[in-house]
Amino acid sequence: MWRSCVDVRSFVKCQFYLSPKLIGYLSFLLKEPPKEDLTVSEKFQLVLDVAQKAQNLFGKMADILEKIKNLFMWVQPEITQKLYIVLWAAFIASCFLPYRIIGLAMGLYAGIKFFLIDFIFKRCPRLRAKYDTPYIIWTSLPTDPQLKERSNATVSRRLQTAASRSYVGSNAPTGINKDEDTSRFHTTKRGNFHEVFNLSENERPLAVCENGWRCCLINRDRKMPTDYIRNGILYVTENYLCFESSKSGSSKRNKVIKLTDITDIQKPLVFGAMVHRDEAFETIFNQYVKITSASSNSES
């Protein structure tokens, strides 16, 4: 997994010394006309946009390389077995058939696949999801973060099963339930999770983001560069979005957002520079839909 090697604070320091030539080059990368007179915030935003584009590009390249590595490392044996069967069939065919015929067959298949079959599948995504074998195999290949999450989910299920069995068999006090007992063991770098964010003891991160996602909170309403970006960790609970700032131990820099209070997505408050961006969005969206649907059913 590729991580951003550039500290955000270096951007804050360097954006004061950006030359006009560099501003024009960054504007060219973003396909925007260069501006002669840019404010400090505009320079910083330009550098930040370029950094985000570069990070997304390197993230996609890392996902491709990780999928190729996992394909040959027998992470999913059924897919790797199919690959080796195809390679052995190609090797045996190369021993008996002339290379011209093999090259002609590969050229015909590539031409039909890229110019005809892919064109039909792009127009009909449902057919592609059912019958495009290379696409299905490629999308089912996991990346290293996905493998880690699967292993963590498996371990957490085993621990929950063992804890439930031991909890039923032990003589635990009647005043402590299972949720309160398990919430006491989850802590962050600053202390207990519910104490850091001033939440109830039942609120704890979901299994997907138990260790949190490293990101930076970008508040575009702030004018000072020191308050513009805050590095930290983002957690998602059943009812809240919790951002723990890593710059200071004060809880004033932390951010708690109730999921039911989210009515629109706007630019002034952004969680950026996140490696697991798609996973975080899906987790937040699914939890938001779950809470809103439960509240609407209770009201009806």
Foldseek 3Di string as FASTA:
>chain_A
DDADPDDLVVLLVCLVVDDQVNQCVLCVVVVHHGDDDDDSVRSSVSVVVVSQVVLVVVLVVLQVVQLVVQLCVPPPVVNVVVVVVVVVVVVVCPVPDPPVVVVVVVVVVVCCVPPPVVVVCVVPVVCCCPPVVVVVSSVPRDGPLVVVLVVLVVVVVVVVVVVVVVVVVDDDDPVDDPLLVVLQPQAAPLGRPCVLQVHDSNWAFDSNANVFWWWWKAQQVDDDPVVRIFTFGWGDTLFWIWTDGPPDSDSVPIDIGGLQPDDDDDDRIDTDSTSPVVVVVVVSVVSSVVVVVVVVVVVD
